[in-house]
């Protein structure tokens, strides 16, 4: 497992997370959803415009469970570069809000932060689905037409 010094708040929270310490796990999840992360893609994208429908994100397996897809996200470009050799044809990297990344998690899928590196963090399918639903709700609220107050007419 490759390690590098913690350099951002998300990496610090992941390093502090302990398997059976719910408080440190909550801090890591909070840091995750408030962060920008890096995703690996099969084609160039700026991370800002609307992505192409044929663009694919990198998924990894969930350890021994080879059937469960885990969206691979990285806390820094350096961590995504470490994973580069194993990721072909996912040669492109984009920085995105973690909430946006959650939109790419399929049903029964999870999220693996910094796969095969440390600090890493596994977000299982149950929690990933909650994060995806929250992100979907946020997108729906932001894209809804503004409500007009009848008193303002």
N, C-alpha and C. Protein backbone atom coordinates (compact mmCIF):
# COMPACT_ATOMS: atom_id res chain seq x y z
N UNK A 1 0.85 -1.16 0.00
CA UNK A 1 0.00 0.00 0.00
C UNK A 1 0.90 1.23 0.00
N UNK A 2 0.61 2.17 -0.87
CA UNK A 2 1.40 3.38 -1.00
C UNK A 2 0.90 4.42 -0.01
N UNK A 3 1.83 5.09 0.66
CA UNK A 3 1.48 6.15 1.59
C UNK A 3 2.19 7.42 1.21
N UNK A 4 1.58 8.56 1.52
CA UNK A 4 2.22 9.85 1.39
C UNK A 4 1.74 10.71 2.54
N UNK A 5 2.46 11.77 2.88
CA UNK A 5 2.03 12.60 4.00
C UNK A 5 0.64 13.20 3.77
N UNK A 6 -0.16 13.27 4.82
CA UNK A 6 -1.47 13.89 4.72
C UNK A 6 -1.30 15.35 4.34
N UNK A 7 -2.06 15.81 3.34
CA UNK A 7 -1.87 17.17 2.89
C UNK A 7 -3.15 17.98 2.80
N UNK A 8 -4.29 17.40 3.08
CA UNK A 8 -5.52 18.18 3.05
C UNK A 8 -6.46 17.67 4.15
N UNK A 9 -7.50 18.44 4.48
CA UNK A 9 -8.39 18.03 5.59
C UNK A 9 -9.04 16.67 5.39
N UNK A 10 -9.38 16.31 4.16
CA UNK A 10 -9.98 15.00 3.93
C UNK A 10 -8.99 13.89 4.26
N UNK A 11 -7.77 14.01 3.80
CA UNK A 11 -6.75 12.99 4.09
C UNK A 11 -6.49 12.91 5.59
N UNK A 12 -6.49 14.03 6.28
CA UNK A 12 -6.30 14.03 7.73
C UNK A 12 -7.45 13.30 8.42
N UNK A 13 -8.68 13.55 7.98
CA UNK A 13 -9.84 12.88 8.58
C UNK A 13 -9.81 11.38 8.29
N UNK A 14 -9.39 11.00 7.08
CA UNK A 14 -9.31 9.58 6.75
C UNK A 14 -8.25 8.89 7.60
N UNK A 15 -7.12 9.56 7.81
CA UNK A 15 -6.05 8.98 8.63
C UNK A 15 -6.49 8.79 10.08
N UNK A 16 -7.35 9.68 10.55
CA UNK A 16 -7.80 9.61 11.94
C UNK A 16 -8.96 8.63 12.14
N UNK A 17 -9.60 8.20 11.06
CA UNK A 17 -10.76 7.31 11.19
C UNK A 17 -10.32 5.93 11.67
N UNK A 18 -11.02 5.42 12.66
CA UNK A 18 -10.75 4.10 13.23
C UNK A 18 -11.97 3.21 12.95
N UNK A 19 -11.73 1.94 12.66
CA UNK A 19 -12.80 1.03 12.28
C UNK A 19 -14.00 1.01 13.22
N UNK A 20 -13.79 0.98 14.50
CA UNK A 20 -14.90 0.85 15.45
C UNK A 20 -15.21 2.15 16.19
N UNK A 21 -14.73 3.27 15.70
CA UNK A 21 -14.96 4.56 16.34
C UNK A 21 -15.94 5.36 15.48
N UNK A 22 -17.22 5.30 15.86
CA UNK A 22 -18.26 5.95 15.06
C UNK A 22 -18.03 7.45 14.89
N UNK A 23 -17.50 8.09 15.92
CA UNK A 23 -17.28 9.54 15.83
C UNK A 23 -16.22 9.87 14.76
N UNK A 24 -15.14 9.11 14.72
CA UNK A 24 -14.10 9.39 13.72
C UNK A 24 -14.59 9.02 12.31
N UNK A 25 -15.44 8.02 12.20
CA UNK A 25 -16.02 7.65 10.91
C UNK A 25 -16.96 8.75 10.43
N UNK A 26 -17.76 9.29 11.33
CA UNK A 26 -18.65 10.41 10.96
C UNK A 26 -17.84 11.62 10.50
N UNK A 27 -16.74 11.90 11.20
CA UNK A 27 -15.88 13.03 10.80
C UNK A 27 -15.32 12.80 9.40
N UNK A 28 -14.91 11.56 9.11
CA UNK A 28 -14.37 11.25 7.79
C UNK A 28 -15.45 11.40 6.72
N UNK A 29 -16.66 10.92 6.99
CA UNK A 29 -17.75 11.07 6.02
C UNK A 29 -18.11 12.54 5.81
N UNK A 30 -18.14 13.31 6.89
CA UNK A 30 -18.43 14.74 6.78
C UNK A 30 -17.36 15.43 5.95
N UNK A 31 -16.10 15.10 6.21
CA UNK A 31 -15.00 15.69 5.43
C UNK A 31 -15.12 15.29 3.97
N UNK A 32 -15.52 14.05 3.72
CA UNK A 32 -15.67 13.59 2.34
C UNK A 32 -16.72 14.40 1.60
N UNK A 33 -17.92 14.52 2.15
CA UNK A 33 -19.00 15.20 1.42
C UNK A 33 -18.74 16.69 1.26
N UNK A 34 -17.86 17.26 2.07
CA UNK A 34 -17.54 18.69 1.97
C UNK A 34 -16.31 18.94 1.11
N UNK A 35 -15.75 17.90 0.53
CA UNK A 35 -14.48 18.03 -0.20
C UNK A 35 -14.66 18.00 -1.71
N UNK A 36 -13.59 18.41 -2.36
CA UNK A 36 -13.43 18.16 -3.79
C UNK A 36 -12.54 16.94 -3.89
N UNK A 37 -12.88 16.06 -4.81
CA UNK A 37 -12.12 14.83 -4.99
C UNK A 37 -11.76 14.69 -6.47
N UNK A 38 -10.92 13.74 -6.77
CA UNK A 38 -10.50 13.48 -8.14
C UNK A 38 -11.07 12.14 -8.58
N UNK A 39 -11.59 12.11 -9.80
CA UNK A 39 -12.10 10.88 -10.39
C UNK A 39 -11.32 10.60 -11.67
N UNK A 40 -11.20 9.33 -12.00
CA UNK A 40 -10.52 8.94 -13.24
C UNK A 40 -11.58 8.60 -14.28
N UNK A 41 -11.32 9.08 -15.51
CA UNK A 41 -12.28 8.97 -16.59
C UNK A 41 -11.65 8.34 -17.82
N UNK A 42 -12.49 7.87 -18.71
CA UNK A 42 -11.97 7.28 -19.94
C UNK A 42 -11.85 8.29 -21.08
N UNK A 43 -12.16 9.56 -20.82
CA UNK A 43 -12.03 10.62 -21.81
C UNK A 43 -11.85 11.96 -21.11
N UNK A 44 -11.30 12.93 -21.80
CA UNK A 44 -11.06 14.22 -21.15
C UNK A 44 -12.37 14.91 -20.75
N UNK A 45 -12.33 15.60 -19.63
CA UNK A 45 -13.47 16.39 -19.14
C UNK A 45 -12.93 17.41 -18.17
N UNK A 46 -13.49 18.60 -18.16
CA UNK A 46 -12.99 19.67 -17.30
C UNK A 46 -13.56 19.63 -15.88
N UNK A 47 -14.52 18.77 -15.60
CA UNK A 47 -15.10 18.68 -14.27
C UNK A 47 -16.10 19.78 -13.97
N UNK A 48 -16.38 20.65 -14.94
CA UNK A 48 -17.29 21.78 -14.71
C UNK A 48 -18.49 21.74 -15.64
N UNK A 49 -18.26 21.46 -16.91
CA UNK A 49 -19.35 21.41 -17.87
C UNK A 49 -20.14 20.12 -17.66
N UNK A 50 -21.29 20.03 -18.33
CA UNK A 50 -22.09 18.82 -18.22
C UNK A 50 -21.33 17.68 -18.89
N UNK A 51 -21.13 16.54 -18.21
CA UNK A 51 -20.35 15.44 -18.81
C UNK A 51 -21.09 14.77 -19.95
N UNK A 52 -20.32 14.21 -20.86
CA UNK A 52 -20.90 13.45 -21.98
C UNK A 52 -21.55 12.18 -21.45
N UNK A 53 -22.60 11.75 -22.10
CA UNK A 53 -23.32 10.56 -21.63
C UNK A 53 -22.52 9.27 -21.82
N UNK A 54 -21.53 9.28 -22.71
CA UNK A 54 -20.73 8.07 -22.92
C UNK A 54 -19.45 8.05 -22.08
N UNK A 55 -19.28 9.04 -21.22
CA UNK A 55 -18.10 9.10 -20.35
C UNK A 55 -18.24 8.06 -19.24
N UNK A 56 -17.15 7.35 -18.98
CA UNK A 56 -17.17 6.32 -17.92
C UNK A 56 -16.22 6.71 -16.80
N UNK A 57 -16.64 6.41 -15.57
CA UNK A 57 -15.82 6.62 -14.38
C UNK A 57 -15.13 5.30 -14.02
N UNK A 58 -14.01 5.39 -13.34
CA UNK A 58 -13.29 4.19 -12.90
C UNK A 58 -13.96 3.59 -11.68
N UNK A 59 -14.23 2.28 -11.77
CA UNK A 59 -14.74 1.52 -10.63
C UNK A 59 -13.73 0.45 -10.29
N UNK A 60 -13.65 0.11 -9.01
CA UNK A 60 -12.79 -0.97 -8.53
C UNK A 60 -13.68 -1.97 -7.83
N UNK A 61 -13.13 -3.14 -7.52
CA UNK A 61 -13.91 -4.14 -6.80
C UNK A 61 -13.83 -3.87 -5.29
N UNK A 62 -14.75 -4.46 -4.57
CA UNK A 62 -14.83 -4.28 -3.12
C UNK A 62 -14.09 -5.43 -2.44
N UNK A 63 -12.77 -5.39 -2.52
CA UNK A 63 -11.96 -6.43 -1.90
C UNK A 63 -12.28 -7.80 -2.46
N UNK A 64 -12.65 -8.72 -1.59
CA UNK A 64 -12.97 -10.08 -2.02
C UNK A 64 -14.28 -10.16 -2.81
N UNK A 65 -15.14 -9.16 -2.64
CA UNK A 65 -16.41 -9.15 -3.36
C UNK A 65 -16.18 -8.54 -4.74
N UNK A 66 -15.80 -9.37 -5.69
CA UNK A 66 -15.46 -8.91 -7.04
C UNK A 66 -16.67 -8.39 -7.81
N UNK A 67 -17.87 -8.71 -7.35
CA UNK A 67 -19.08 -8.32 -8.06
C UNK A 67 -19.59 -6.94 -7.67
N UNK A 68 -19.15 -6.42 -6.52
CA UNK A 68 -19.66 -5.12 -6.06
C UNK A 68 -18.81 -4.00 -6.64
N UNK A 69 -19.43 -3.10 -7.43
CA UNK A 69 -18.68 -1.97 -7.97
C UNK A 69 -18.47 -0.89 -6.91
N UNK A 70 -17.27 -0.38 -6.85
CA UNK A 70 -16.92 0.70 -5.93
C UNK A 70 -16.35 1.85 -6.77
N UNK A 71 -16.99 3.00 -6.73
CA UNK A 71 -16.48 4.15 -7.44
C UNK A 71 -15.14 4.54 -6.83
N UNK A 72 -14.11 4.63 -7.66
CA UNK A 72 -12.79 5.02 -7.17
C UNK A 72 -12.70 6.54 -7.19
N UNK A 73 -12.46 7.13 -6.02
CA UNK A 73 -12.21 8.57 -5.92
C UNK A 73 -10.90 8.77 -5.19
N UNK A 74 -10.28 9.89 -5.44
CA UNK A 74 -8.96 10.15 -4.89
C UNK A 74 -8.94 11.50 -4.21
N UNK A 75 -8.19 11.59 -3.13
CA UNK A 75 -8.12 12.83 -2.36
C UNK A 75 -7.21 13.86 -2.99
N UNK A 76 -6.39 13.44 -3.94
CA UNK A 76 -5.49 14.38 -4.62
C UNK A 76 -5.12 13.81 -5.98
N UNK A 77 -4.62 14.67 -6.83
CA UNK A 77 -4.14 14.21 -8.14
C UNK A 77 -2.99 13.23 -7.95
N UNK A 78 -2.16 13.47 -6.93
CA UNK A 78 -1.02 12.58 -6.67
C UNK A 78 -1.50 11.15 -6.41
N UNK A 79 -2.58 10.97 -5.64
CA UNK A 79 -3.10 9.63 -5.40
C UNK A 79 -3.68 9.02 -6.67
N UNK A 80 -4.31 9.84 -7.51
CA UNK A 80 -4.84 9.29 -8.76
C UNK A 80 -3.70 8.88 -9.68
N UNK A 81 -2.58 9.61 -9.62
CA UNK A 81 -1.41 9.25 -10.44
C UNK A 81 -0.80 7.93 -9.97
N UNK A 82 -0.80 7.68 -8.66
CA UNK A 82 -0.27 6.43 -8.12
C UNK A 82 -1.05 5.25 -8.72
N UNK A 83 -2.34 5.43 -8.90
CA UNK A 83 -3.22 4.37 -9.39
C UNK A 83 -3.23 4.30 -10.92
N UNK A 84 -2.51 5.17 -11.58
CA UNK A 84 -2.61 5.32 -13.05
C UNK A 84 -2.29 4.05 -13.81
N UNK A 85 -1.27 3.30 -13.43
CA UNK A 85 -0.87 2.14 -14.21
C UNK A 85 -1.94 1.05 -14.21
N UNK A 86 -2.68 0.94 -13.12
CA UNK A 86 -3.72 -0.09 -13.04
C UNK A 86 -5.04 0.37 -13.64
N UNK A 87 -5.10 1.62 -14.09
CA UNK A 87 -6.39 2.19 -14.46
C UNK A 87 -6.66 2.32 -15.95
N UNK A 88 -5.77 1.88 -16.81
CA UNK A 88 -6.00 2.04 -18.26
C UNK A 88 -7.32 1.38 -18.62
N UNK A 89 -8.14 1.96 -19.44
CA UNK A 89 -8.00 3.16 -20.26
C UNK A 89 -8.47 4.43 -19.56
N UNK A 90 -8.55 4.43 -18.25
CA UNK A 90 -9.01 5.60 -17.50
C UNK A 90 -7.83 6.53 -17.25
N UNK A 91 -7.41 7.21 -18.31
CA UNK A 91 -6.19 8.00 -18.29
C UNK A 91 -6.42 9.47 -17.95
N UNK A 92 -7.66 9.88 -17.77
CA UNK A 92 -7.96 11.29 -17.54
C UNK A 92 -8.46 11.49 -16.12
N UNK A 93 -8.15 12.66 -15.57
CA UNK A 93 -8.52 12.97 -14.19
C UNK A 93 -9.29 14.28 -14.18
N UNK A 94 -10.34 14.34 -13.38
CA UNK A 94 -11.10 15.57 -13.19
C UNK A 94 -11.33 15.77 -11.70
N UNK A 95 -11.27 17.02 -11.28
CA UNK A 95 -11.58 17.36 -9.89
C UNK A 95 -13.05 17.76 -9.83
N UNK A 96 -13.78 17.15 -8.90
CA UNK A 96 -15.22 17.39 -8.77
C UNK A 96 -15.60 17.48 -7.29
N UNK A 97 -16.78 18.02 -7.04
CA UNK A 97 -17.32 17.97 -5.68
C UNK A 97 -17.62 16.51 -5.35
N UNK A 98 -17.36 16.12 -4.13
CA UNK A 98 -17.64 14.74 -3.72
C UNK A 98 -19.11 14.40 -3.92
N UNK A 99 -19.99 15.38 -3.69
CA UNK A 99 -21.42 15.13 -3.89
C UNK A 99 -21.70 14.76 -5.34
N UNK A 100 -21.03 15.41 -6.30
CA UNK A 100 -21.21 15.06 -7.71
C UNK A 100 -20.76 13.62 -7.93
N UNK A 101 -19.62 13.26 -7.36
CA UNK A 101 -19.12 11.90 -7.52
C UNK A 101 -20.14 10.89 -7.01
N UNK A 102 -20.84 11.21 -5.94
CA UNK A 102 -21.84 10.30 -5.38
C UNK A 102 -22.95 10.00 -6.39
N UNK A 103 -23.21 10.93 -7.29
CA UNK A 103 -24.24 10.71 -8.32
C UNK A 103 -23.86 9.56 -9.24
N UNK A 104 -22.57 9.24 -9.33
CA UNK A 104 -22.11 8.17 -10.21
C UNK A 104 -22.10 6.79 -9.58
N UNK A 105 -22.52 6.69 -8.34
CA UNK A 105 -22.51 5.39 -7.65
C UNK A 105 -23.77 4.62 -8.01
N UNK A 106 -23.63 3.42 -8.57
CA UNK A 106 -24.82 2.64 -8.94
C UNK A 106 -25.49 2.03 -7.72
N UNK A 107 -26.73 1.61 -7.93
CA UNK A 107 -27.46 0.89 -6.87
C UNK A 107 -26.61 -0.30 -6.44
N UNK A 108 -26.52 -0.54 -5.17
CA UNK A 108 -25.72 -1.63 -4.59
C UNK A 108 -24.21 -1.43 -4.78
N UNK A 109 -23.80 -0.23 -5.18
CA UNK A 109 -22.38 0.08 -5.29
C UNK A 109 -21.92 0.91 -4.11
N UNK A 110 -20.63 1.07 -4.00
CA UNK A 110 -20.06 1.86 -2.93
C UNK A 110 -19.01 2.81 -3.47
N UNK A 111 -18.22 3.35 -2.56
CA UNK A 111 -17.17 4.29 -2.91
C UNK A 111 -15.89 3.84 -2.22
N UNK A 112 -14.79 3.84 -2.95
CA UNK A 112 -13.49 3.55 -2.37
C UNK A 112 -12.62 4.80 -2.56
N UNK A 113 -12.24 5.39 -1.45
CA UNK A 113 -11.40 6.58 -1.48
C UNK A 113 -9.95 6.13 -1.42
N UNK A 114 -9.15 6.56 -2.37
CA UNK A 114 -7.73 6.20 -2.49
C UNK A 114 -7.51 4.68 -2.47
N UNK A 115 -8.07 3.97 -3.47
CA UNK A 115 -7.88 2.51 -3.47
C UNK A 115 -6.41 2.13 -3.52
N UNK A 116 -6.07 1.10 -2.76
CA UNK A 116 -4.70 0.55 -2.69
C UNK A 116 -3.66 1.56 -2.22
N UNK A 117 -4.09 2.57 -1.50
CA UNK A 117 -3.19 3.57 -0.94
C UNK A 117 -3.63 3.87 0.48
N UNK A 118 -2.82 4.61 1.20
CA UNK A 118 -3.20 5.06 2.54
C UNK A 118 -2.94 6.56 2.61
N UNK A 119 -3.87 7.31 3.17
CA UNK A 119 -5.08 6.84 3.84
C UNK A 119 -6.15 6.50 2.82
N UNK A 120 -6.88 5.44 3.10
CA UNK A 120 -8.00 5.07 2.24
C UNK A 120 -9.24 4.94 3.11
N UNK A 121 -10.38 4.79 2.46
CA UNK A 121 -11.64 4.75 3.20
C UNK A 121 -12.67 4.07 2.32
N UNK A 122 -13.41 3.15 2.89
CA UNK A 122 -14.46 2.44 2.18
C UNK A 122 -15.81 2.96 2.64
N UNK A 123 -16.63 3.37 1.67
CA UNK A 123 -18.00 3.78 1.96
C UNK A 123 -18.89 2.70 1.35
N UNK A 124 -19.49 1.91 2.21
CA UNK A 124 -20.28 0.77 1.76
C UNK A 124 -21.55 1.18 1.03
N UNK A 125 -22.20 0.22 0.40
CA UNK A 125 -23.39 0.50 -0.41
C UNK A 125 -24.52 1.20 0.34
N UNK A 126 -24.74 0.85 1.60
CA UNK A 126 -25.84 1.44 2.35
C UNK A 126 -25.63 2.95 2.51
N UNK A 127 -24.43 3.33 2.93
CA UNK A 127 -24.13 4.75 3.15
C UNK A 127 -23.99 5.46 1.80
N UNK A 128 -23.39 4.81 0.82
CA UNK A 128 -23.24 5.41 -0.51
C UNK A 128 -24.60 5.72 -1.12
N UNK A 129 -25.59 4.86 -0.90
CA UNK A 129 -26.92 5.13 -1.46
C UNK A 129 -27.56 6.34 -0.78
N UNK A 130 -27.32 6.51 0.51
CA UNK A 130 -27.83 7.69 1.22
C UNK A 130 -27.16 8.95 0.67
N UNK A 131 -25.85 8.88 0.45
CA UNK A 131 -25.12 10.03 -0.11
C UNK A 131 -25.61 10.34 -1.53
N UNK A 132 -25.85 9.30 -2.33
CA UNK A 132 -26.34 9.51 -3.70
C UNK A 132 -27.72 10.16 -3.67
N UNK A 133 -28.62 9.67 -2.81
CA UNK A 133 -29.96 10.24 -2.73
C UNK A 133 -29.92 11.69 -2.28
N UNK A 134 -29.04 12.02 -1.34
CA UNK A 134 -28.90 13.42 -0.90
C UNK A 134 -28.38 14.29 -2.05
N UNK A 135 -27.44 13.77 -2.82
CA UNK A 135 -26.91 14.52 -3.96
C UNK A 135 -27.99 14.70 -5.03
N UNK A 136 -28.78 13.67 -5.28
CA UNK A 136 -29.88 13.77 -6.26
C UNK A 136 -30.90 14.82 -5.83
N UNK A 137 -31.21 14.83 -4.54
CA UNK A 137 -32.16 15.81 -4.01
C UNK A 137 -31.59 17.22 -4.17
N UNK A 138 -30.31 17.38 -3.88
CA UNK A 138 -29.66 18.68 -4.02
C UNK A 138 -29.70 19.17 -5.47
N UNK A 139 -29.41 18.27 -6.40
CA UNK A 139 -29.45 18.62 -7.83
C UNK A 139 -30.87 19.02 -8.23
N UNK A 140 -31.86 18.26 -7.78
CA UNK A 140 -33.25 18.56 -8.13
C UNK A 140 -33.66 19.93 -7.59
N UNK A 141 -33.24 20.24 -6.36
CA UNK A 141 -33.58 21.54 -5.78
C UNK A 141 -32.91 22.68 -6.54
N UNK A 142 -31.66 22.47 -6.93
CA UNK A 142 -30.93 23.52 -7.63
C UNK A 142 -31.43 23.73 -9.05
N UNK A 143 -31.97 22.67 -9.67
CA UNK A 143 -32.43 22.79 -11.05
C UNK A 143 -33.92 23.10 -11.16
N UNK A 144 -34.63 23.14 -10.04
CA UNK A 144 -36.06 23.44 -10.06
C UNK A 144 -36.25 24.93 -10.36
N UNK A 145 -37.31 25.26 -11.08
CA UNK A 145 -37.56 26.68 -11.34
C UNK A 145 -37.85 27.40 -10.03
N UNK A 146 -37.47 28.65 -9.94
CA UNK A 146 -37.71 29.38 -8.69
C UNK A 146 -39.21 29.50 -8.41
N UNK A 147 -39.53 29.37 -7.14
CA UNK A 147 -40.94 29.47 -6.74
C UNK A 147 -41.27 30.95 -6.56
N UNK A 148 -42.41 31.33 -7.12
CA UNK A 148 -42.84 32.72 -7.03
C UNK A 148 -43.85 32.82 -5.89
N UNK A 149 -43.61 33.73 -5.02
CA UNK A 149 -44.49 33.97 -3.91
C UNK A 149 -45.75 34.68 -4.43
N UNK A 150 -46.94 34.10 -4.24
CA UNK A 150 -48.17 34.74 -4.77
C UNK A 150 -48.36 36.17 -4.26
N UNK A 151 -47.83 36.48 -3.09
CA UNK A 151 -47.97 37.83 -2.54
C UNK A 151 -47.15 38.84 -3.33
N UNK A 152 -46.19 38.38 -4.11
CA UNK A 152 -45.33 39.28 -4.86
C UNK A 152 -45.94 39.68 -6.19
N UNK A 153 -47.03 39.07 -6.59
CA UNK A 153 -47.67 39.38 -7.88
C UNK A 153 -48.41 40.68 -7.83
